[in-house]
Each structure stands twice: as structure tokens, then as C-alpha cells.
Amino acid sequence: MLYLPGIRRTTLAAAVLVIVLDVLLVVMAVTTYVGGTATSTVSDTTSTTRTVGGVVTTTPPLASTRSGAQTTKGTQSPPPRDKYLPLRVAVPPSAVQQAVDESMAQGSRAGVALLEKALVVTPATSAHFPAVDAADSSSASLFAMAFTQELLDLDFRATTRTQLLAWAQFNDAPYSLGDVRASLGARVLVTSLTSGSSPVPSTVEWSHLARSRVNWRVSGLVVSVNPTWTQALSAGWVPTDSLMGIYDVSGLLTIISPGHSVVTKSVAFALTLGGAGLHPGYGAVALDDWTVN
């Protein structure tokens, strides 16, 4: 059997992360009465500058990103937590901000119990799963591609699931929305990769793929800003993590196994990014809506 995970929303996202998308309904309802003054511009060919509530961020053009982002080989130990902390901004109060924040706080509480029971993983890189290059970590689109490349380019015989999850934890961006305390916010990424549907096979499935000498290769990656996220920002809501954003990622996953024909599938998912918890630049908050066609 050539394993490909199923198609459905992860348990964690249904309880916690999907509230980010759903709050647009609240934003639209509020701005109907109070109005939204922020602006948001997204372009595939020019740098993107977003000004919301006095916070300005710039994202390099998506069209200029590399489809096969390369990473720097080697092992990198995470710095102590007291040596680096991701940037957080003070958001000016507004009716829109209050409405959305309260909605997310209510929605996120349902996921706290899941996070309290979640697997705690020690962050680490390795020869097979090296740290993302610093230049790629400075750009949302480049980081999304580099992260996806390393997550899905897998030789199951030469690597272990433990190594992959440790690498993912090294690239974690702490969840900063809703009513989730910091100690649990750092568990969201790995939980999203190990709960429900995700591209990461279970321990049993990984062993089967290793015995079958299966390799995965990802190509043709396309990254774009999730339109619902853009609309929420345009309505005037501002995340406290200035690097946070939801990106739609799609591409082709080729499955290679001796004795079987090469199979290529279309894959897509939503990748939430934010300020990395262990190093400067971008990290991954969660992976959601994993879809295989």
C-alpha cells in the first residue's frame, strides 16, 4: 500500500485554529456598523506592504520565490528560551479588535484540553532534517516553501518520524491567538501534524513505508496568502504576532516505491506562520486542511 493520509480537517484545527478563518464573519458584522479603516494589498508580482492598526509589515513578492527552496545542511542546537523571544506588538484597542479577540478566546478554549494531553517533543535538527536557511526564514513565502520541501521530501528508510517531529518543533512558531497559555502554544504545530489528517504518517505507517522503501518528492509548490486572512486584516483586526499569516500551499507529491508505478498526487493545505520561537524569522504555527487529489 502506498500511504497517503485522508482528507479532512484536523481535530486541533477544528477546536482551535479554524477560529481564525471563522472570525471573518464577526469582523464583517462589526464593520457593518463601525467601519474598517485598515488597508491590505496583496500582489503576486510586487512586494506586499500591509498597514493595519499602525503596524506595517512587508512581504517579498510571491512570484519571485523558489519552487525548490534549499536548506543549509548541518545540525543546529536551539538557543535557550531566555536568549530569544518572538516579537509581539501592542495592538491599539478598537471595536473590531475586541470583537474578534473575544470570539477567538471563546473558540480556542475547546482546544486547551487537547493541547494539555499533546505530545511534548524536544526540538532538534539533524543531517536529514537541517535548519531552514536564515535567508528563507526571513520571508514568509520562502519559508513556507522551504518548510514544505523538507516536510514532504522523505526517504522513509533513511529517516525516522521522531527526527521529523523534532525538526518541526525546532521550526515552531508559538500559537498566539485566543485564550491559550504560552506553555501550550508551543505544542500546536506538532499536535496539528499528529492529530487527525496530516501529511505525517503514524508510527506504524512510517515503519511500513520504510520496509517498502518508499520515497516522497514534492515539486511545483505554489504559495499564496489565504484570502480570508487578508479580508480579516483589511477589516481592521491585528494579530499580536506581527509575522502571523495563513498561507495556502499547493503542489505535486510524487510517490516512488520499488515494484510499483510512480504515482503523482496533487496536494494542498493551509499553513499558518508566525514568529519562530527558537530563532529569528518565520516559523510554522500549524498545518491544516491537508488535501490529496
Protein backbone atom coordinates (compact mmCIF):
# COMPACT_ATOMS: atom_id res chain seq x y z
CA MET A 1 0.00 0.00 0.00
CA LEU A 2 1.28 3.47 -0.87
CA TYR A 3 0.23 5.52 2.10
CA LEU A 4 -1.41 8.90 1.65
CA PRO A 5 -3.33 10.36 4.58
CA GLY A 6 -7.05 11.02 4.27
CA ILE A 7 -8.79 14.27 3.58
CA ARG A 8 -10.39 16.09 6.48
CA ARG A 9 -9.78 18.94 8.88
CA THR A 10 -7.54 18.13 11.83
CA THR A 11 -9.12 17.75 15.26
CA LEU A 12 -6.94 20.51 16.67
CA ALA A 13 -7.79 23.00 13.95
CA ALA A 14 -11.48 22.32 14.34
CA ALA A 15 -11.13 23.14 18.03
CA VAL A 16 -8.54 25.92 17.92
CA LEU A 17 -7.03 27.20 14.68
CA VAL A 18 -10.01 27.28 12.37
CA ILE A 19 -11.46 30.06 14.51
CA VAL A 20 -9.01 32.38 12.73
CA LEU A 21 -10.89 31.81 9.48
CA ASP A 22 -14.33 31.82 11.02
CA VAL A 23 -13.87 35.17 12.78
CA LEU A 24 -14.22 36.92 9.44
CA LEU A 25 -17.97 36.61 9.93
CA VAL A 26 -17.63 38.52 13.20
CA VAL A 27 -15.39 41.12 11.56
CA MET A 28 -17.83 41.71 8.73
CA ALA A 29 -20.72 42.05 11.15
CA VAL A 30 -18.85 44.56 13.31
CA THR A 31 -17.52 46.63 10.43
CA THR A 32 -21.02 46.94 9.04
CA TYR A 33 -21.67 49.29 11.95
CA VAL A 34 -18.28 50.73 12.93
CA GLY A 35 -16.48 50.58 9.58
CA GLY A 36 -12.99 49.32 8.80
CA THR A 37 -10.21 51.79 8.10
CA ALA A 38 -7.25 49.49 7.54
CA THR A 39 -5.98 48.59 4.11
CA SER A 40 -4.33 45.44 2.80
CA THR A 41 -2.70 44.92 -0.57
CA VAL A 42 -1.51 41.56 -1.88
CA SER A 43 0.32 41.19 -5.17
CA ASP A 44 1.90 38.20 -6.87
CA THR A 45 4.49 40.33 -8.66
CA THR A 46 5.40 43.12 -6.24
CA SER A 47 6.33 43.37 -2.61
CA THR A 48 3.32 43.31 -0.31
CA THR A 49 3.01 46.10 2.24
CA ARG A 50 0.28 45.80 4.84
CA THR A 51 -0.70 48.63 7.18
CA VAL A 52 -3.21 47.63 9.84
CA GLY A 53 -3.81 49.50 13.07
CA GLY A 54 -0.48 51.27 12.83
CA VAL A 55 1.52 48.07 12.22
CA VAL A 56 3.36 47.88 8.89
CA THR A 57 4.82 44.64 7.52
CA THR A 58 6.32 43.89 4.11
CA THR A 59 6.36 40.50 2.37
CA PRO A 60 8.57 39.82 -0.70
CA PRO A 61 6.76 39.08 -3.97
CA LEU A 62 5.34 35.56 -4.11
CA ALA A 63 6.17 35.26 -7.80
CA SER A 64 9.88 35.51 -7.07
CA THR A 65 10.02 32.59 -4.63
CA ARG A 66 11.91 29.42 -5.42
CA SER A 67 9.85 26.31 -6.12
CA GLY A 68 12.55 24.13 -4.61
CA ALA A 69 13.87 26.08 -1.65
CA GLN A 70 17.19 24.70 -0.45
CA THR A 71 18.21 24.40 3.16
CA THR A 72 21.58 24.55 4.86
CA LYS A 73 22.90 21.14 5.86
CA GLY A 74 24.11 20.51 9.37
CA THR A 75 22.85 20.29 12.91
CA GLN A 76 21.78 23.34 14.85
CA SER A 77 21.03 23.37 18.55
CA PRO A 78 18.17 25.61 19.66
CA PRO A 79 19.19 28.63 21.73
CA PRO A 80 17.88 28.88 25.30
CA ARG A 81 14.38 30.33 25.52
CA ASP A 82 15.67 33.26 27.59
CA LYS A 83 18.03 34.29 24.78
CA TYR A 84 15.37 34.82 22.13
CA LEU A 85 11.66 35.59 22.15
CA PRO A 86 9.39 36.14 19.12
CA LEU A 87 8.21 39.69 18.58
CA ARG A 88 4.80 40.69 19.94
CA VAL A 89 3.15 44.03 19.24
CA ALA A 90 0.80 46.13 21.33
CA VAL A 91 -2.41 46.44 19.34
CA PRO A 92 -4.46 49.66 19.64
CA PRO A 93 -7.96 48.93 21.01
CA SER A 94 -10.90 49.03 18.62
CA ALA A 95 -14.40 47.57 18.34
CA VAL A 96 -13.25 45.19 15.62
CA GLN A 97 -10.21 44.07 17.62
CA GLN A 98 -12.29 43.41 20.73
CA ALA A 99 -15.00 41.50 18.86
CA VAL A 100 -12.55 39.24 17.04
CA ASP A 101 -10.31 38.65 20.08
CA GLU A 102 -13.29 37.68 22.23
CA SER A 103 -14.56 35.33 19.54
CA MET A 104 -11.16 33.64 19.24
CA ALA A 105 -10.78 33.37 23.01
CA GLN A 106 -14.09 31.54 23.27
CA GLY A 107 -13.27 29.24 20.35
CA SER A 108 -9.74 28.42 21.50
CA ARG A 109 -10.78 27.14 24.93
CA ALA A 110 -12.15 23.99 23.35
CA GLY A 111 -8.64 23.05 22.22
CA VAL A 112 -6.87 23.56 25.55
CA ALA A 113 -7.73 20.07 26.84
CA LEU A 114 -6.30 18.53 23.67
CA LEU A 115 -3.10 20.54 23.97
CA GLU A 116 -2.67 19.58 27.64
CA LYS A 117 -2.56 15.91 26.55
CA ALA A 118 -0.46 16.57 23.47
CA LEU A 119 2.90 15.00 22.74
CA VAL A 120 5.80 17.08 24.06
CA VAL A 121 8.69 17.00 21.58
CA THR A 122 12.26 18.19 22.14
CA PRO A 123 13.30 20.49 19.26
CA ALA A 124 16.29 19.34 17.23
CA THR A 125 17.74 19.34 13.73
CA SER A 126 19.77 16.58 12.08
CA ALA A 127 21.65 15.74 8.89
CA HIS A 128 18.42 14.63 7.20
CA PHE A 129 16.35 17.47 8.66
CA PRO A 130 18.60 20.55 8.82
CA ALA A 131 17.62 24.03 9.91
CA VAL A 132 15.92 26.18 7.29
CA ASP A 133 18.36 28.64 5.76
CA ALA A 134 18.34 32.02 7.52
CA ALA A 135 17.58 33.85 4.26
CA ASP A 136 14.49 31.69 3.72
CA SER A 137 13.40 32.24 7.31
CA SER A 138 13.25 35.99 6.69
CA SER A 139 10.50 35.68 4.06
CA ALA A 140 7.03 34.19 4.60
CA SER A 141 6.75 32.72 1.10
CA LEU A 142 10.31 31.37 1.05
CA PHE A 143 9.92 29.85 4.50
CA ALA A 144 6.60 28.23 3.53
CA MET A 145 8.28 26.61 0.52
CA ALA A 146 11.41 25.53 2.39
CA PHE A 147 9.35 24.12 5.27
CA THR A 148 7.08 22.21 2.88
CA GLN A 149 10.03 20.89 0.88
CA GLU A 150 11.70 19.46 3.95
CA LEU A 151 8.44 18.17 5.44
CA LEU A 152 7.44 16.22 2.32
CA ASP A 153 10.75 15.23 0.69
CA LEU A 154 11.08 11.98 2.62
CA ASP A 155 13.17 8.84 2.39
CA PHE A 156 11.37 6.68 4.91
CA ARG A 157 14.20 4.14 5.22
CA ALA A 158 16.84 6.75 6.00
CA THR A 159 14.83 8.85 8.45
CA THR A 160 12.54 8.46 11.43
CA ARG A 161 9.26 10.02 12.40
CA THR A 162 10.86 11.18 15.66
CA GLN A 163 13.50 13.11 13.72
CA LEU A 164 10.85 14.78 11.56
CA LEU A 165 8.74 15.86 14.54
CA ALA A 166 11.82 17.16 16.39
CA TRP A 167 12.70 19.22 13.30
CA ALA A 168 9.13 20.52 13.12
CA GLN A 169 9.30 21.55 16.77
CA PHE A 170 12.56 23.40 16.07
CA ASN A 171 10.64 25.39 13.42
CA ASP A 172 7.66 26.03 15.68
CA ALA A 173 6.06 29.46 15.96
CA PRO A 174 4.10 29.62 19.22
CA TYR A 175 0.34 29.92 18.85
CA SER A 176 -0.58 33.45 19.96
CA LEU A 177 -4.34 33.72 19.35
CA GLY A 178 -7.25 33.22 21.69
CA ASP A 179 -7.02 32.03 25.26
CA VAL A 180 -4.10 29.57 25.08
CA ARG A 181 -1.25 29.95 27.56
CA ALA A 182 2.30 30.12 26.23
CA SER A 183 3.34 26.69 27.52
CA LEU A 184 0.60 25.10 25.41
CA GLY A 185 1.02 27.41 22.43
CA ALA A 186 4.35 25.75 21.62
CA ARG A 187 2.60 22.38 21.22
CA VAL A 188 0.20 23.40 18.48
CA LEU A 189 2.39 22.66 15.43
CA VAL A 190 3.33 19.09 16.36
CA THR A 191 -0.22 18.42 17.54
CA SER A 192 -1.55 19.56 14.16
CA LEU A 193 0.90 17.16 12.49
CA THR A 194 -0.07 14.19 14.66
CA SER A 195 -3.82 14.65 15.15
CA GLY A 196 -6.40 13.69 12.57
CA SER A 197 -5.41 14.08 8.95
CA SER A 198 -1.92 15.36 8.18
CA PRO A 199 0.92 14.53 5.79
CA VAL A 200 2.89 12.88 8.60
CA PRO A 201 2.28 9.11 8.70
CA SER A 202 1.67 7.39 12.03
CA THR A 203 4.47 5.38 13.63
CA VAL A 204 3.07 2.12 12.22
CA GLU A 205 2.56 3.60 8.76
CA TRP A 206 6.08 5.07 8.75
CA SER A 207 7.54 1.63 9.52
CA HIS A 208 5.54 0.10 6.67
CA LEU A 209 6.76 2.78 4.25
CA ALA A 210 10.36 2.21 5.38
CA ARG A 211 10.09 -1.54 4.78
CA SER A 212 8.58 -0.85 1.35
CA ARG A 213 11.46 1.57 0.56
CA VAL A 214 9.04 4.37 -0.29
CA ASN A 215 10.29 7.87 -1.12
CA TRP A 216 8.25 11.07 -1.39
CA ARG A 217 9.26 14.02 -3.53
CA VAL A 218 7.39 17.32 -3.65
CA SER A 219 7.52 19.75 -6.58
CA GLY A 220 5.66 22.60 -8.25
CA LEU A 221 4.97 24.41 -4.99
CA VAL A 222 2.72 27.46 -5.08
CA VAL A 223 2.20 29.71 -2.05
CA SER A 224 -0.44 32.42 -1.76
CA VAL A 225 -1.94 34.43 1.08
CA ASN A 226 -5.21 32.94 2.27
CA PRO A 227 -7.94 35.35 1.07
CA THR A 228 -9.99 35.08 4.25
CA TRP A 229 -6.95 36.07 6.30
CA THR A 230 -6.43 39.09 4.03
CA GLN A 231 -10.05 40.13 4.47
CA ALA A 232 -9.81 39.86 8.26
CA LEU A 233 -6.76 42.14 8.24
CA SER A 234 -8.48 44.56 5.87
CA ALA A 235 -11.40 44.79 8.28
CA GLY A 236 -9.06 46.18 10.93
CA TRP A 237 -8.13 43.21 13.11
CA VAL A 238 -4.41 42.96 14.04
CA PRO A 239 -2.62 39.84 15.38
CA THR A 240 -0.20 40.42 18.24
CA ASP A 241 2.33 38.32 16.32
CA SER A 242 3.35 40.73 13.55
CA LEU A 243 4.66 37.87 11.38
CA MET A 244 1.49 35.81 11.63
CA GLY A 245 -0.38 34.88 8.46
CA ILE A 246 -2.25 31.99 6.86
CA TYR A 247 -0.95 30.77 3.51
CA ASP A 248 -2.47 28.37 1.01
CA VAL A 249 0.16 25.90 -0.22
CA SER A 250 -0.28 23.51 -3.14
CA GLY A 251 1.97 21.27 -5.21
CA LEU A 252 2.63 17.80 -6.55
CA LEU A 253 3.66 14.86 -4.38
CA THR A 254 5.42 12.03 -6.22
CA ILE A 255 5.46 8.62 -4.52
CA ILE A 256 8.28 6.27 -5.55
CA SER A 257 8.33 2.63 -4.46
CA PRO A 258 10.23 -0.35 -5.96
CA GLY A 259 7.88 -2.69 -7.78
CA HIS A 260 5.17 -0.07 -8.17
CA SER A 261 4.45 2.55 -10.80
CA VAL A 262 5.40 6.08 -9.85
CA VAL A 263 2.32 7.89 -8.55
CA THR A 264 1.88 11.67 -8.54
CA LYS A 265 -0.84 13.33 -6.50
CA SER A 266 -1.96 16.93 -6.12
CA VAL A 267 -1.71 18.11 -2.51
CA ALA A 268 -2.83 21.28 -0.77
CA PHE A 269 -3.06 22.61 2.76
CA ALA A 270 -3.27 25.76 4.85
CA LEU A 271 -0.04 26.71 6.63
CA THR A 272 -0.20 29.22 9.46
CA LEU A 273 3.08 31.06 10.01
CA GLY A 274 4.29 33.37 12.75
CA GLY A 275 7.39 34.49 14.57
CA ALA A 276 9.58 31.45 15.31
CA GLY A 277 10.04 30.57 18.96
CA LEU A 278 13.67 29.43 18.81
CA HIS A 279 15.30 31.60 16.16
CA PRO A 280 14.75 34.91 14.33
CA GLY A 281 12.37 34.99 11.41
CA TYR A 282 9.39 32.87 10.47
CA GLY A 283 8.22 29.60 11.96
CA ALA A 284 5.18 27.39 11.48
CA VAL A 285 2.20 27.63 13.82
CA ALA A 286 0.14 24.78 12.35
CA LEU A 287 -0.68 22.81 9.25
CA ASP A 288 -4.37 22.38 8.47
CA ASP A 289 -6.78 21.22 5.75
CA TRP A 290 -4.41 18.62 4.27
CA THR A 291 -5.96 17.55 0.96
CA VAL A 292 -4.87 14.90 -1.53
CA ASN A 293 -6.34 14.52 -5.03
